[in-house]
C-alpha atoms as a PDB file:
ATOM      1  CA  UNK A   1      -6.934  -5.047   8.753  1.00  0.00           C
ATOM      2  CA  UNK A   2      -7.958  -3.310  12.004  1.00  0.00           C
ATOM      3  CA  UNK A   3     -11.776  -2.978  12.534  1.00  0.00           C
ATOM      4  CA  UNK A   4     -11.629   0.835  12.586  1.00  0.00           C
ATOM      5  CA  UNK A   5      -9.900   0.883   9.189  1.00  0.00           C
ATOM      6  CA  UNK A   6     -12.444  -1.595   7.819  1.00  0.00           C
ATOM      7  CA  UNK A   7     -15.338   0.628   8.972  1.00  0.00           C
ATOM      8  CA  UNK A   8     -13.618   3.625   7.389  1.00  0.00           C
ATOM      9  CA  UNK A   9     -13.474   1.975   3.961  1.00  0.00           C
ATOM     10  CA  UNK A  10     -17.064   0.716   4.222  1.00  0.00           C
ATOM     11  CA  UNK A  11     -18.428   4.175   5.079  1.00  0.00           C
ATOM     12  CA  UNK A  12     -16.556   6.113   2.382  1.00  0.00           C
ATOM     13  CA  UNK A  13     -19.274   5.778  -0.314  1.00  0.00           C
ATOM     14  CA  UNK A  14     -21.966   7.006   2.079  1.00  0.00           C
ATOM     15  CA  UNK A  15     -19.900  10.068   2.982  1.00  0.00           C
ATOM     16  CA  UNK A  16     -19.492  10.917  -0.707  1.00  0.00           C
ATOM     17  CA  UNK A  17     -23.167  10.413  -1.618  1.00  0.00           C
ATOM     18  CA  UNK A  18     -25.387  13.468  -1.433  1.00  0.00           C
ATOM     19  CA  UNK A  19     -29.075  12.447  -1.072  1.00  0.00           C
ATOM     20  CA  UNK A  20     -30.265  15.870  -2.204  1.00  0.00           C
ATOM     21  CA  UNK A  21     -28.716  15.348  -5.636  1.00  0.00           C
ATOM     22  CA  UNK A  22     -29.034  11.589  -5.981  1.00  0.00           C
ATOM     23  CA  UNK A  23     -32.053  11.850  -8.279  1.00  0.00           C
ATOM     24  CA  UNK A  24     -31.079  15.061 -10.010  1.00  0.00           C
ATOM     25  CA  UNK A  25     -27.540  14.316 -11.184  1.00  0.00           C
ATOM     26  CA  UNK A  26     -25.911  11.266 -12.707  1.00  0.00           C
ATOM     27  CA  UNK A  27     -22.964   9.950 -14.692  1.00  0.00           C
ATOM     28  CA  UNK A  28     -24.078   9.446 -18.280  1.00  0.00           C
ATOM     29  CA  UNK A  29     -23.548   5.699 -18.942  1.00  0.00           C
ATOM     30  CA  UNK A  30     -23.145   6.324 -22.679  1.00  0.00           C
ATOM     31  CA  UNK A  31     -20.239   8.769 -22.323  1.00  0.00           C
ATOM     32  CA  UNK A  32     -16.695   8.475 -20.990  1.00  0.00           C
ATOM     33  CA  UNK A  33     -15.924  11.332 -18.622  1.00  0.00           C
ATOM     34  CA  UNK A  34     -12.812  13.167 -17.575  1.00  0.00           C
ATOM     35  CA  UNK A  35     -12.471  13.300 -13.808  1.00  0.00           C
ATOM     36  CA  UNK A  36     -10.118  13.913 -10.918  1.00  0.00           C
ATOM     37  CA  UNK A  37      -9.844  10.764  -8.784  1.00  0.00           C
ATOM     38  CA  UNK A  38      -8.829  10.151  -5.177  1.00  0.00           C
ATOM     39  CA  UNK A  39      -8.038   6.486  -4.416  1.00  0.00           C
ATOM     40  CA  UNK A  40      -7.967   5.042  -0.898  1.00  0.00           C
ATOM     41  CA  UNK A  41      -6.616   1.516  -0.975  1.00  0.00           C
ATOM     42  CA  UNK A  42      -5.324  -1.534   0.835  1.00  0.00           C
ATOM     43  CA  UNK A  43      -2.740  -4.022  -0.500  1.00  0.00           C
ATOM     44  CA  UNK A  44      -2.268  -7.511   0.892  1.00  0.00           C
ATOM     45  CA  UNK A  45       1.021  -8.913  -0.416  1.00  0.00           C
ATOM     46  CA  UNK A  46       3.173 -12.012  -0.178  1.00  0.00           C
ATOM     47  CA  UNK A  47       6.910 -11.232  -0.350  1.00  0.00           C
ATOM     48  CA  UNK A  48       9.177 -12.864  -2.912  1.00  0.00           C
ATOM     49  CA  UNK A  49      12.837 -12.755  -3.876  1.00  0.00           C
ATOM     50  CA  UNK A  50      15.151 -11.458  -1.156  1.00  0.00           C
ATOM     51  CA  UNK A  51      12.242  -9.902   0.734  1.00  0.00           C
ATOM     52  CA  UNK A  52      10.784 -13.346   1.489  1.00  0.00           C
ATOM     53  CA  UNK A  53      13.863 -14.132   3.600  1.00  0.00           C
ATOM     54  CA  UNK A  54      13.297 -11.052   5.763  1.00  0.00           C
ATOM     55  CA  UNK A  55       9.532 -10.578   6.145  1.00  0.00           C
ATOM     56  CA  UNK A  56       6.249 -12.460   5.996  1.00  0.00           C
ATOM     57  CA  UNK A  57       2.842 -11.230   4.793  1.00  0.00           C
ATOM     58  CA  UNK A  58       3.004  -7.486   4.106  1.00  0.00           C
ATOM     59  CA  UNK A  59       0.258  -4.846   4.261  1.00  0.00           C
ATOM     60  CA  UNK A  60       0.088  -1.465   2.558  1.00  0.00           C
ATOM     61  CA  UNK A  61      -2.505   1.234   3.268  1.00  0.00           C
ATOM     62  CA  UNK A  62      -2.573   4.632   1.614  1.00  0.00           C
ATOM     63  CA  UNK A  63      -3.966   6.827  -1.090  1.00  0.00           C
ATOM     64  CA  UNK A  64      -3.397   8.350  -4.500  1.00  0.00           C
ATOM     65  CA  UNK A  65      -4.618  11.295  -6.529  1.00  0.00           C
ATOM     66  CA  UNK A  66      -4.834  11.399 -10.293  1.00  0.00           C
ATOM     67  CA  UNK A  67      -6.832  12.131 -13.389  1.00  0.00           C
ATOM     68  CA  UNK A  68      -8.870   9.949 -15.731  1.00  0.00           C
ATOM     69  CA  UNK A  69      -9.264  11.196 -19.291  1.00  0.00           C
ATOM     70  CA  UNK A  70     -12.212  10.773 -21.642  1.00  0.00           C
ATOM     71  CA  UNK A  71     -10.314   8.088 -23.554  1.00  0.00           C
ATOM     72  CA  UNK A  72     -10.158   6.131 -20.251  1.00  0.00           C
ATOM     73  CA  UNK A  73      -6.406   6.509 -19.803  1.00  0.00           C
ATOM     74  CA  UNK A  74      -5.517   7.523 -16.260  1.00  0.00           C
ATOM     75  CA  UNK A  75      -2.462   8.478 -14.239  1.00  0.00           C
ATOM     76  CA  UNK A  76      -2.129   8.483 -10.441  1.00  0.00           C
ATOM     77  CA  UNK A  77       0.498   9.145  -7.799  1.00  0.00           C
ATOM     78  CA  UNK A  78       0.520   8.910  -4.019  1.00  0.00           C
ATOM     79  CA  UNK A  79       1.926   7.142  -0.994  1.00  0.00           C
ATOM     80  CA  UNK A  80       1.401   3.976   1.052  1.00  0.00           C
ATOM     81  CA  UNK A  81       2.422   2.979   4.570  1.00  0.00           C
ATOM     82  CA  UNK A  82       4.015  -0.501   4.539  1.00  0.00           C
ATOM     83  CA  UNK A  83       3.836  -2.728   7.603  1.00  0.00           C
ATOM     84  CA  UNK A  84       3.812  -6.299   8.822  1.00  0.00           C
ATOM     85  CA  UNK A  85       4.097  -8.367  11.977  1.00  0.00           C
ATOM     86  CA  UNK A  86       6.278 -11.249  10.798  1.00  0.00           C
ATOM     87  CA  UNK A  87      10.052 -10.712  10.787  1.00  0.00           C
ATOM     88  CA  UNK A  88      11.939 -13.808   9.641  1.00  0.00           C
ATOM     89  CA  UNK A  89      15.460 -12.373   9.804  1.00  0.00           C
ATOM     90  CA  UNK A  90      15.841 -12.606  13.577  1.00  0.00           C
ATOM     91  CA  UNK A  91      19.575 -13.269  13.821  1.00  0.00           C
ATOM     92  CA  UNK A  92      20.374  -9.551  13.793  1.00  0.00           C
ATOM     93  CA  UNK A  93      19.922  -9.379  17.588  1.00  0.00           C
ATOM     94  CA  UNK A  94      21.892 -12.539  18.465  1.00  0.00           C
ATOM     95  CA  UNK A  95      24.957 -10.589  19.590  1.00  0.00           C
ATOM     96  CA  UNK A  96      22.863  -9.072  22.412  1.00  0.00           C
ATOM     97  CA  UNK A  97      21.671 -12.390  23.829  1.00  0.00           C
ATOM     98  CA  UNK A  98      23.079 -13.699  27.101  1.00  0.00           C
ATOM     99  CA  UNK A  99      24.496 -17.188  26.489  1.00  0.00           C
ATOM    100  CA  UNK A 100      22.912 -16.987  23.039  1.00  0.00           C
ATOM    101  CA  UNK A 101      19.409 -17.303  24.495  1.00  0.00           C
ATOM    102  CA  UNK A 102      17.873 -14.144  25.997  1.00  0.00           C
ATOM    103  CA  UNK A 103      18.400 -10.389  25.863  1.00  0.00           C
ATOM    104  CA  UNK A 104      18.633  -9.061  29.417  1.00  0.00           C
ATOM    105  CA  UNK A 105      17.601  -5.613  30.631  1.00  0.00           C
ATOM    106  CA  UNK A 106      19.485  -3.395  33.102  1.00  0.00           C
ATOM    107  CA  UNK A 107      17.949  -5.340  36.011  1.00  0.00           C
ATOM    108  CA  UNK A 108      19.210  -8.656  34.704  1.00  0.00           C
ATOM    109  CA  UNK A 109      15.721  -9.839  33.773  1.00  0.00           C
ATOM    110  CA  UNK A 110      14.615 -10.935  30.283  1.00  0.00           C
ATOM    111  CA  UNK A 111      13.855  -7.856  28.200  1.00  0.00           C
ATOM    112  CA  UNK A 112      10.662  -7.484  26.173  1.00  0.00           C
ATOM    113  CA  UNK A 113      11.799  -6.875  22.612  1.00  0.00           C
ATOM    114  CA  UNK A 114       9.376  -6.454  19.714  1.00  0.00           C
ATOM    115  CA  UNK A 115      10.176  -6.319  16.008  1.00  0.00           C
ATOM    116  CA  UNK A 116       8.024  -5.306  13.058  1.00  0.00           C
ATOM    117  CA  UNK A 117       8.269  -4.653   9.365  1.00  0.00           C
ATOM    118  CA  UNK A 118       7.942  -0.943   8.590  1.00  0.00           C
ATOM    119  CA  UNK A 119       8.323   1.201   5.491  1.00  0.00           C
ATOM    120  CA  UNK A 120       6.552   3.107   2.765  1.00  0.00           C
ATOM    121  CA  UNK A 121       6.125   3.330  -0.990  1.00  0.00           C
ATOM    122  CA  UNK A 122       5.621   6.272  -3.353  1.00  0.00           C
ATOM    123  CA  UNK A 123       4.012   4.922  -6.552  1.00  0.00           C
ATOM    124  CA  UNK A 124       3.370   6.532  -9.927  1.00  0.00           C
ATOM    125  CA  UNK A 125       0.998   4.592 -12.204  1.00  0.00           C
ATOM    126  CA  UNK A 126      -0.491   4.892 -15.676  1.00  0.00           C
ATOM    127  CA  UNK A 127      -3.269   2.685 -16.971  1.00  0.00           C
ATOM    128  CA  UNK A 128      -6.316   2.268 -19.142  1.00  0.00           C
ATOM    129  CA  UNK A 129      -9.876   1.053 -18.552  1.00  0.00           C
ATOM    130  CA  UNK A 130     -11.454  -1.158 -21.247  1.00  0.00           C
ATOM    131  CA  UNK A 131     -15.261  -0.765 -21.083  1.00  0.00           C
ATOM    132  CA  UNK A 132     -15.771  -2.868 -24.226  1.00  0.00           C
ATOM    133  CA  UNK A 133     -14.311  -5.870 -22.382  1.00  0.00           C
ATOM    134  CA  UNK A 134     -16.667  -5.419 -19.423  1.00  0.00           C
ATOM    135  CA  UNK A 135     -18.841  -8.542 -19.070  1.00  0.00           C
ATOM    136  CA  UNK A 136     -21.344  -6.510 -17.034  1.00  0.00           C
ATOM    137  CA  UNK A 137     -21.566  -3.600 -19.518  1.00  0.00           C
ATOM    138  CA  UNK A 138     -22.067  -1.093 -16.693  1.00  0.00           C
ATOM    139  CA  UNK A 139     -21.055   2.126 -18.452  1.00  0.00           C
ATOM    140  CA  UNK A 140     -18.266   3.614 -20.549  1.00  0.00           C
ATOM    141  CA  UNK A 141     -16.199   4.546 -17.475  1.00  0.00           C
ATOM    142  CA  UNK A 142     -16.097   1.093 -15.898  1.00  0.00           C
ATOM    143  CA  UNK A 143     -14.553  -2.251 -16.753  1.00  0.00           C
ATOM    144  CA  UNK A 144     -11.318  -4.250 -16.673  1.00  0.00           C
ATOM    145  CA  UNK A 145      -8.124  -2.239 -16.555  1.00  0.00           C
ATOM    146  CA  UNK A 146      -4.390  -2.680 -17.010  1.00  0.00           C
ATOM    147  CA  UNK A 147      -1.821  -0.597 -15.182  1.00  0.00           C
ATOM    148  CA  UNK A 148       1.954  -0.207 -15.125  1.00  0.00           C
ATOM    149  CA  UNK A 149       4.127   2.047 -13.037  1.00  0.00           C
ATOM    150  CA  UNK A 150       7.190   2.728 -10.979  1.00  0.00           C
ATOM    151  CA  UNK A 151       7.722   3.430  -7.299  1.00  0.00           C
ATOM    152  CA  UNK A 152      10.188   4.311  -4.594  1.00  0.00           C
ATOM    153  CA  UNK A 153      10.138   1.771  -1.760  1.00  0.00           C
ATOM    154  CA  UNK A 154      11.804   1.755   1.638  1.00  0.00           C
ATOM    155  CA  UNK A 155      11.604  -0.871   4.377  1.00  0.00           C
ATOM    156  CA  UNK A 156      13.376  -1.757   7.598  1.00  0.00           C
ATOM    157  CA  UNK A 157      13.125  -3.874  10.730  1.00  0.00           C
ATOM    158  CA  UNK A 158      11.693  -1.739  13.510  1.00  0.00           C
ATOM    159  CA  UNK A 159      13.070  -2.773  16.903  1.00  0.00           C
ATOM    160  CA  UNK A 160      11.268  -1.721  20.094  1.00  0.00           C
ATOM    161  CA  UNK A 161      12.640  -2.194  23.589  1.00  0.00           C
ATOM    162  CA  UNK A 162       9.517  -2.037  25.759  1.00  0.00           C
ATOM    163  CA  UNK A 163      10.274   0.265  28.687  1.00  0.00           C
ATOM    164  CA  UNK A 164      13.667   1.265  27.237  1.00  0.00           C
ATOM    165  CA  UNK A 165      15.527  -1.114  29.538  1.00  0.00           C
ATOM    166  CA  UNK A 166      18.293  -2.237  27.150  1.00  0.00           C
ATOM    167  CA  UNK A 167      20.939   0.486  26.587  1.00  0.00           C
ATOM    168  CA  UNK A 168      22.263  -1.276  23.454  1.00  0.00           C
ATOM    169  CA  UNK A 169      18.820  -0.790  21.862  1.00  0.00           C
ATOM    170  CA  UNK A 170      18.392   2.889  22.688  1.00  0.00           C
ATOM    171  CA  UNK A 171      17.200   5.134  19.875  1.00  0.00           C
ATOM    172  CA  UNK A 172      20.706   6.139  18.798  1.00  0.00           C
ATOM    173  CA  UNK A 173      21.812   2.494  18.432  1.00  0.00           C
ATOM    174  CA  UNK A 174      18.757   1.034  16.666  1.00  0.00           C
ATOM    175  CA  UNK A 175      19.909   1.997  13.142  1.00  0.00           C
ATOM    176  CA  UNK A 176      22.724  -0.511  13.659  1.00  0.00           C
ATOM    177  CA  UNK A 177      20.161  -3.318  13.660  1.00  0.00           C
ATOM    178  CA  UNK A 178      17.357  -2.151  11.344  1.00  0.00           C
ATOM    179  CA  UNK A 179      18.590  -3.351   7.903  1.00  0.00           C
ATOM    180  CA  UNK A 180      17.337  -0.130   6.256  1.00  0.00           C
ATOM    181  CA  UNK A 181      16.774  -0.810   2.551  1.00  0.00           C
ATOM    182  CA  UNK A 182      15.360   1.246  -0.317  1.00  0.00           C
ATOM    183  CA  UNK A 183      15.295   1.538  -4.084  1.00  0.00           C
ATOM    184  CA  UNK A 184      13.176   1.805  -7.211  1.00  0.00           C
ATOM    185  CA  UNK A 185      10.625  -0.719  -8.444  1.00  0.00           C
ATOM    186  CA  UNK A 186       8.341  -1.473 -11.373  1.00  0.00           C
ATOM    187  CA  UNK A 187       4.692  -2.529 -11.072  1.00  0.00           C
ATOM    188  CA  UNK A 188       2.059  -4.261 -13.165  1.00  0.00           C
ATOM    189  CA  UNK A 189      -1.628  -4.621 -12.298  1.00  0.00           C
ATOM    190  CA  UNK A 190      -4.733  -6.255 -13.744  1.00  0.00           C
ATOM    191  CA  UNK A 191      -8.018  -5.248 -12.215  1.00  0.00           C
ATOM    192  CA  UNK A 192     -11.630  -4.184 -12.456  1.00  0.00           C
ATOM    193  CA  UNK A 193     -12.917  -0.688 -11.744  1.00  0.00           C
ATOM    194  CA  UNK A 194     -16.429   0.669 -11.217  1.00  0.00           C
ATOM    195  CA  UNK A 195     -17.567   4.278 -11.563  1.00  0.00           C
ATOM    196  CA  UNK A 196     -21.279   3.983 -10.861  1.00  0.00           C
ATOM    197  CA  UNK A 197     -23.816   6.258 -12.529  1.00  0.00           C
ATOM    198  CA  UNK A 198     -25.375   6.960  -9.114  1.00  0.00           C
ATOM    199  CA  UNK A 199     -22.033   8.153  -7.655  1.00  0.00           C
ATOM    200  CA  UNK A 200     -22.593   5.772  -4.713  1.00  0.00           C
ATOM    201  CA  UNK A 201     -20.239   2.925  -5.615  1.00  0.00           C
ATOM    202  CA  UNK A 202     -16.812   3.840  -6.989  1.00  0.00           C
ATOM    203  CA  UNK A 203     -14.348   1.075  -6.257  1.00  0.00           C
ATOM    204  CA  UNK A 204     -11.639  -1.164  -7.676  1.00  0.00           C
ATOM    205  CA  UNK A 205      -9.988  -4.541  -7.161  1.00  0.00           C
ATOM    206  CA  UNK A 206      -6.717  -5.692  -8.720  1.00  0.00           C
ATOM    207  CA  UNK A 207      -3.927  -8.228  -8.730  1.00  0.00           C
ATOM    208  CA  UNK A 208      -0.505  -6.597  -8.380  1.00  0.00           C
ATOM    209  CA  UNK A 209       3.107  -7.577  -8.728  1.00  0.00           C
ATOM    210  CA  UNK A 210       5.869  -5.190  -7.674  1.00  0.00           C
ATOM    211  CA  UNK A 211       9.507  -5.957  -8.497  1.00  0.00           C
ATOM    212  CA  UNK A 212      11.841  -3.660  -6.579  1.00  0.00           C
ATOM    213  CA  UNK A 213      15.567  -3.230  -7.151  1.00  0.00           C
ATOM    214  CA  UNK A 214      16.876  -2.157  -3.772  1.00  0.00           C
ATOM    215  CA  UNK A 215      20.057  -1.846  -1.749  1.00  0.00           C
ATOM    216  CA  UNK A 216      20.846  -1.895   1.963  1.00  0.00           C
ATOM    217  CA  UNK A 217      21.741   1.658   2.996  1.00  0.00           C
ATOM    218  CA  UNK A 218      23.471   1.417   6.384  1.00  0.00           C
ATOM    219  CA  UNK A 219      27.260   1.607   6.370  1.00  0.00           C
ATOM    220  CA  UNK A 220      27.373  -0.753   9.356  1.00  0.00           C
ATOM    221  CA  UNK A 221      25.282  -3.303  11.256  1.00  0.00           C
ATOM    222  CA  UNK A 222      26.481  -4.200  14.741  1.00  0.00           C
ATOM    223  CA  UNK A 223      25.826  -7.930  14.393  1.00  0.00           C
ATOM    224  CA  UNK A 224      27.945  -8.261  11.213  1.00  0.00           C
ATOM    225  CA  UNK A 225      31.607  -7.247  11.799  1.00  0.00           C
ATOM    226  CA  UNK A 226      32.482  -6.946   8.095  1.00  0.00           C
ATOM    227  CA  UNK A 227      29.156  -5.576   6.914  1.00  0.00           C
ATOM    228  CA  UNK A 228      28.858  -4.827   3.217  1.00  0.00           C
ATOM    229  CA  UNK A 229      25.796  -3.347   1.591  1.00  0.00           C
ATOM    230  CA  UNK A 230      24.169  -5.673  -0.908  1.00  0.00           C
ATOM    231  CA  UNK A 231      21.902  -5.179  -3.893  1.00  0.00           C
ATOM    232  CA  UNK A 232      18.572  -6.965  -3.608  1.00  0.00           C
ATOM    233  CA  UNK A 233      15.476  -7.907  -5.577  1.00  0.00           C
ATOM    234  CA  UNK A 234      12.453  -7.424  -3.330  1.00  0.00           C
ATOM    235  CA  UNK A 235       9.145  -8.673  -4.756  1.00  0.00           C
ATOM    236  CA  UNK A 236       5.612  -8.049  -3.476  1.00  0.00           C
ATOM    237  CA  UNK A 237       2.695  -9.863  -5.124  1.00  0.00           C
ATOM    238  CA  UNK A 238      -0.928  -9.848  -4.036  1.00  0.00           C
ATOM    239  CA  UNK A 239      -4.252  -8.066  -4.253  1.00  0.00           C
ATOM    240  CA  UNK A 240      -5.392  -4.466  -3.939  1.00  0.00           C
ATOM    241  CA  UNK A 241      -8.866  -3.148  -3.109  1.00  0.00           C
ATOM    242  CA  UNK A 242     -10.126   0.354  -2.529  1.00  0.00           C
ATOM    243  CA  UNK A 243     -12.634   3.145  -2.912  1.00  0.00           C
ATOM    244  CA  UNK A 244     -12.392   6.054  -5.315  1.00  0.00           C
ATOM    245  CA  UNK A 245     -13.764   9.531  -4.752  1.00  0.00           C
ATOM    246  CA  UNK A 246     -14.288  11.042  -8.240  1.00  0.00           C
ATOM    247  CA  UNK A 247     -14.781  14.711  -9.030  1.00  0.00           C
ATOM    248  CA  UNK A 248     -16.372  15.434 -12.404  1.00  0.00           C
ATOM    249  CA  UNK A 249     -18.973  17.554 -14.138  1.00  0.00           C
ATOM    250  CA  UNK A 250     -22.263  15.684 -13.929  1.00  0.00           C
ATOM    251  CA  UNK A 251     -25.235  15.655 -16.271  1.00  0.00           C
ATOM    252  CA  UNK A 252     -28.350  17.242 -14.829  1.00  0.00           C
ATOM    253  CA  UNK A 253     -31.814  15.884 -15.360  1.00  0.00           C
ATOM    254  CA  UNK A 254     -35.262  16.931 -14.248  1.00  0.00           C
ATOM    255  CA  UNK A 255     -37.342  14.463 -12.366  1.00  0.00           C
ATOM    256  CA  UNK A 256     -41.148  14.889 -12.514  1.00  0.00           C
ATOM    257  CA  UNK A 257     -43.462  13.438  -9.872  1.00  0.00           C
ATOM    258  CA  UNK A 258     -47.149  12.661 -10.536  1.00  0.00           C
END
């Protein structure tokens, strides 16, 4: 993760903490509360199934909004940007290589071509927190949780011709090489969530597995003369961490100083 993004996630709890009310308001540890929740999260995933043949380690960064009920059931929905730097399926540009070795630019020199994994997901999740199973017994809003859901996922190979020196890779031709794929997936998660009584630390960590049933969407790909779209099973498995910004009605208390 880039340093600026790391600093952003570290500073979130301090932005959401109000010193003027830190001693006057709190989350009652003996009661489960209903609240609106905003999740900001990062996924680190290893591809499986057909996706493992196309990409390496995959990152997702994004956010969700939802509601947690007093019975500790919750539902969230949002969006994540999907990206990665390892593209394994490199043969899609072979037809542009001179003598099968190098792609040349308009000057006859080796072109600088970069490829990345790019895409996004739109998840919808439902889950439940189990405070009675919490080994730390923090409060009735925190503890292990289980989550299931569905999502729309789309991914492709992004091709960049640095300096735009290869006419065959101009913007209008790139869709013929990008392997655009999308579809619907199912998700399962096991994790641990904290809603602190001080409102300072509200975070979660989870193990995720996402099984996506996708299909290639382009009607043609220049490097495959008899291109046919294929159905795929794209799997992402890994961890998820993040901060939550909760909005709820707090309990007021009076603090006396002597």
